[in-house]
Amino acid sequence: MQSVTHHYPRDSPPPAFLLAAPPSGFWLLASGHWSLVIGHWSLVIGHWSLVIGHWSLVIGHWSLVIPGRPAGNLPHIYFTLI
């Protein structure tokens, strides 16, 4: 389990999920509504959420994404509440 940086609105509750970033540079996405995908250049459509590809934007309800990066670099979690 690598350490990660959390980005989420100050007045929002902290995200409730468990994340691990594989050293391969793949990224992991979870929407908080039972959606999960691990891959590279991946697409997931979940509970009001859509994420496409490497260095992705995430738009959704209690959604997050870890962009894939070269092995050895730490990813960042982008947590959004819309």
N, C-alpha and C. Protein backbone atom coordinates (compact mmCIF):
# COMPACT_ATOMS: atom_id res chain seq x y z
N MET A 1 0.85 -1.18 0.00
CA MET A 1 0.00 0.00 0.00
C MET A 1 0.89 1.24 0.00
N GLN A 2 0.79 2.03 -1.04
CA GLN A 2 1.59 3.25 -1.12
C GLN A 2 0.85 4.39 -0.44
N SER A 3 1.62 5.36 0.04
CA SER A 3 0.99 6.56 0.56
C SER A 3 0.49 7.39 -0.61
N VAL A 4 -0.62 8.07 -0.41
CA VAL A 4 -1.21 8.88 -1.47
C VAL A 4 -1.63 10.22 -0.91
N THR A 5 -1.85 11.18 -1.79
CA THR A 5 -2.31 12.51 -1.40
C THR A 5 -3.80 12.62 -1.68
N HIS A 6 -4.55 13.06 -0.68
CA HIS A 6 -5.99 13.19 -0.84
C HIS A 6 -6.35 14.62 -1.23
N HIS A 7 -7.24 14.76 -2.19
CA HIS A 7 -7.76 16.06 -2.59
C HIS A 7 -9.28 15.97 -2.54
N TYR A 8 -9.89 16.67 -1.58
CA TYR A 8 -11.35 16.68 -1.53
C TYR A 8 -11.81 17.96 -0.84
N PRO A 9 -13.07 18.37 -1.08
CA PRO A 9 -13.56 19.62 -0.51
C PRO A 9 -13.43 19.62 1.01
N ARG A 10 -13.04 20.76 1.57
CA ARG A 10 -12.77 20.86 3.00
C ARG A 10 -14.00 20.52 3.84
N ASP A 11 -15.19 20.93 3.39
CA ASP A 11 -16.39 20.70 4.18
C ASP A 11 -17.08 19.38 3.86
N SER A 12 -16.45 18.54 3.06
CA SER A 12 -17.00 17.23 2.74
C SER A 12 -16.39 16.18 3.66
N PRO A 13 -17.12 15.11 3.94
CA PRO A 13 -16.55 14.04 4.76
C PRO A 13 -15.42 13.35 4.01
N PRO A 14 -14.46 12.78 4.72
CA PRO A 14 -13.38 12.06 4.05
C PRO A 14 -13.91 10.85 3.31
N PRO A 15 -13.31 10.48 2.19
CA PRO A 15 -13.77 9.33 1.42
C PRO A 15 -13.63 8.03 2.21
N ALA A 16 -14.60 7.15 2.06
CA ALA A 16 -14.59 5.88 2.78
C ALA A 16 -14.35 4.74 1.80
N PHE A 17 -13.09 4.41 1.60
CA PHE A 17 -12.73 3.34 0.69
C PHE A 17 -11.30 2.93 0.96
N LEU A 18 -10.89 1.82 0.41
CA LEU A 18 -9.53 1.34 0.54
C LEU A 18 -8.90 1.31 -0.85
N LEU A 19 -7.72 1.90 -0.99
CA LEU A 19 -7.09 2.00 -2.30
C LEU A 19 -5.66 1.49 -2.27
N ALA A 20 -5.26 0.85 -3.33
CA ALA A 20 -3.87 0.45 -3.50
C ALA A 20 -3.46 0.75 -4.93
N ALA A 21 -2.29 1.34 -5.10
CA ALA A 21 -1.80 1.65 -6.44
C ALA A 21 -0.73 0.64 -6.81
N PRO A 22 -1.01 -0.24 -7.77
CA PRO A 22 -0.01 -1.23 -8.19
C PRO A 22 1.23 -0.55 -8.74
N PRO A 23 2.41 -1.11 -8.52
CA PRO A 23 3.65 -0.49 -8.99
C PRO A 23 3.80 -0.47 -10.50
N SER A 24 2.90 -1.16 -11.20
CA SER A 24 2.97 -1.22 -12.66
C SER A 24 2.60 0.10 -13.32
N GLY A 25 2.04 1.04 -12.55
CA GLY A 25 1.60 2.29 -13.12
C GLY A 25 0.14 2.26 -13.53
N PHE A 26 -0.53 1.14 -13.30
CA PHE A 26 -1.97 1.08 -13.52
C PHE A 26 -2.65 1.99 -12.50
N TRP A 27 -3.89 2.36 -12.79
CA TRP A 27 -4.62 3.14 -11.81
C TRP A 27 -5.89 2.42 -11.39
N LEU A 28 -6.37 2.79 -10.21
CA LEU A 28 -7.56 2.17 -9.64
C LEU A 28 -8.63 3.23 -9.45
N LEU A 29 -9.84 2.91 -9.83
CA LEU A 29 -10.95 3.83 -9.67
C LEU A 29 -12.06 3.18 -8.87
N ALA A 30 -12.65 3.94 -7.96
CA ALA A 30 -13.82 3.47 -7.23
C ALA A 30 -14.77 4.64 -7.08
N SER A 31 -16.05 4.41 -7.26
CA SER A 31 -17.00 5.51 -7.20
C SER A 31 -17.67 5.65 -5.85
N GLY A 32 -17.49 4.68 -4.95
CA GLY A 32 -18.20 4.70 -3.69
C GLY A 32 -19.59 4.10 -3.83
N HIS A 33 -20.00 3.81 -5.05
CA HIS A 33 -21.28 3.17 -5.31
C HIS A 33 -21.04 1.85 -6.03
N TRP A 34 -20.17 1.04 -5.48
CA TRP A 34 -19.93 -0.33 -5.90
C TRP A 34 -19.32 -0.46 -7.29
N SER A 35 -18.66 0.60 -7.77
CA SER A 35 -17.97 0.52 -9.06
C SER A 35 -16.47 0.43 -8.84
N LEU A 36 -15.81 -0.45 -9.56
CA LEU A 36 -14.37 -0.62 -9.40
C LEU A 36 -13.75 -1.07 -10.72
N VAL A 37 -12.66 -0.43 -11.11
CA VAL A 37 -11.93 -0.86 -12.30
C VAL A 37 -10.45 -0.64 -12.06
N ILE A 38 -9.64 -1.58 -12.48
CA ILE A 38 -8.19 -1.44 -12.45
C ILE A 38 -7.68 -1.64 -13.87
N GLY A 39 -6.98 -0.66 -14.40
CA GLY A 39 -6.49 -0.81 -15.76
C GLY A 39 -5.76 0.42 -16.24
N HIS A 40 -5.50 0.45 -17.52
CA HIS A 40 -4.75 1.52 -18.16
C HIS A 40 -5.51 1.88 -19.44
N TRP A 41 -5.74 3.17 -19.65
CA TRP A 41 -6.61 3.60 -20.74
C TRP A 41 -7.96 2.90 -20.64
N SER A 42 -8.55 3.00 -19.44
CA SER A 42 -9.79 2.28 -19.14
C SER A 42 -10.98 3.23 -19.10
N LEU A 43 -12.16 2.66 -19.24
CA LEU A 43 -13.41 3.40 -19.19
C LEU A 43 -14.32 2.74 -18.17
N VAL A 44 -14.89 3.56 -17.29
CA VAL A 44 -15.90 3.03 -16.37
C VAL A 44 -17.07 3.99 -16.32
N ILE A 45 -18.26 3.45 -16.36
CA ILE A 45 -19.47 4.24 -16.19
C ILE A 45 -20.19 3.65 -14.99
N GLY A 46 -20.26 4.44 -13.91
CA GLY A 46 -20.86 3.92 -12.68
C GLY A 46 -22.03 4.78 -12.25
N HIS A 47 -22.18 4.94 -10.93
CA HIS A 47 -23.27 5.72 -10.37
C HIS A 47 -22.98 7.20 -10.57
N TRP A 48 -23.48 7.77 -11.62
CA TRP A 48 -23.26 9.17 -12.00
C TRP A 48 -21.79 9.47 -12.18
N SER A 49 -21.02 8.53 -12.66
CA SER A 49 -19.58 8.77 -12.79
C SER A 49 -19.06 8.26 -14.12
N LEU A 50 -18.08 8.97 -14.66
CA LEU A 50 -17.45 8.58 -15.91
C LEU A 50 -15.98 8.96 -15.85
N VAL A 51 -15.13 7.99 -16.11
CA VAL A 51 -13.69 8.23 -16.11
C VAL A 51 -13.11 7.57 -17.34
N ILE A 52 -12.29 8.30 -18.08
CA ILE A 52 -11.70 7.76 -19.30
C ILE A 52 -10.20 8.01 -19.29
N GLY A 53 -9.42 6.92 -19.31
CA GLY A 53 -8.02 6.98 -19.68
C GLY A 53 -7.02 7.38 -18.61
N HIS A 54 -5.79 7.51 -19.09
CA HIS A 54 -4.61 7.86 -18.31
C HIS A 54 -4.62 9.37 -18.07
N TRP A 55 -4.27 9.81 -16.89
CA TRP A 55 -4.36 11.22 -16.51
C TRP A 55 -5.79 11.73 -16.72
N SER A 56 -6.74 11.03 -16.14
CA SER A 56 -8.14 11.24 -16.45
C SER A 56 -8.80 12.34 -15.63
N LEU A 57 -9.88 12.86 -16.18
CA LEU A 57 -10.81 13.69 -15.44
C LEU A 57 -11.88 12.79 -14.87
N VAL A 58 -12.40 13.17 -13.72
CA VAL A 58 -13.51 12.41 -13.15
C VAL A 58 -14.66 13.35 -12.87
N ILE A 59 -15.84 12.94 -13.29
CA ILE A 59 -17.06 13.70 -13.05
C ILE A 59 -18.06 12.73 -12.45
N GLY A 60 -18.52 13.02 -11.24
CA GLY A 60 -19.48 12.08 -10.68
C GLY A 60 -19.86 12.39 -9.25
N HIS A 61 -20.54 11.43 -8.65
CA HIS A 61 -21.07 11.53 -7.31
C HIS A 61 -20.20 10.70 -6.38
N TRP A 62 -19.47 11.33 -5.50
CA TRP A 62 -18.56 10.63 -4.60
C TRP A 62 -17.60 9.75 -5.37
N SER A 63 -16.92 10.34 -6.34
CA SER A 63 -16.04 9.58 -7.22
C SER A 63 -14.58 9.96 -7.00
N LEU A 64 -13.69 9.09 -7.44
CA LEU A 64 -12.28 9.39 -7.34
C LEU A 64 -11.53 8.64 -8.42
N VAL A 65 -10.34 9.10 -8.72
CA VAL A 65 -9.50 8.42 -9.71
C VAL A 65 -8.04 8.58 -9.33
N ILE A 66 -7.27 7.53 -9.52
CA ILE A 66 -5.82 7.59 -9.40
C ILE A 66 -5.24 7.44 -10.80
N PRO A 67 -4.65 8.50 -11.37
CA PRO A 67 -4.04 8.35 -12.69
C PRO A 67 -2.82 7.44 -12.64
N GLY A 68 -2.64 6.65 -13.67
CA GLY A 68 -1.46 5.81 -13.76
C GLY A 68 -0.21 6.65 -13.97
N ARG A 69 0.87 6.24 -13.34
CA ARG A 69 2.15 6.93 -13.50
C ARG A 69 3.25 5.90 -13.58
N PRO A 70 4.43 6.29 -14.03
CA PRO A 70 5.53 5.33 -14.08
C PRO A 70 5.82 4.75 -12.71
N ALA A 71 6.26 3.51 -12.68
CA ALA A 71 6.56 2.85 -11.41
C ALA A 71 7.54 3.69 -10.60
N GLY A 72 7.29 3.76 -9.31
CA GLY A 72 8.17 4.52 -8.43
C GLY A 72 7.64 5.90 -8.09
N ASN A 73 6.72 6.43 -8.90
CA ASN A 73 6.11 7.72 -8.60
C ASN A 73 4.79 7.50 -7.88
N LEU A 74 4.49 8.37 -6.92
CA LEU A 74 3.25 8.22 -6.18
C LEU A 74 2.09 8.84 -6.95
N PRO A 75 0.96 8.17 -7.00
CA PRO A 75 -0.23 8.73 -7.64
C PRO A 75 -0.94 9.70 -6.69
N HIS A 76 -1.95 10.36 -7.19
CA HIS A 76 -2.77 11.25 -6.38
C HIS A 76 -4.22 10.84 -6.53
N ILE A 77 -4.95 10.94 -5.43
CA ILE A 77 -6.38 10.67 -5.47
C ILE A 77 -7.10 12.01 -5.69
N TYR A 78 -7.97 12.06 -6.66
CA TYR A 78 -8.78 13.24 -6.89
C TYR A 78 -10.21 12.89 -6.48
N PHE A 79 -10.67 13.50 -5.40
CA PHE A 79 -11.97 13.18 -4.84
C PHE A 79 -12.92 14.32 -5.15
N THR A 80 -14.03 14.04 -5.79
CA THR A 80 -14.97 15.08 -6.16
C THR A 80 -16.36 14.75 -5.65
N LEU A 81 -17.08 15.77 -5.27
CA LEU A 81 -18.48 15.63 -4.88
C LEU A 81 -19.29 16.62 -5.70
N ILE A 82 -20.15 16.09 -6.58
CA ILE A 82 -20.93 16.96 -7.46
C ILE A 82 -22.40 16.69 -7.20
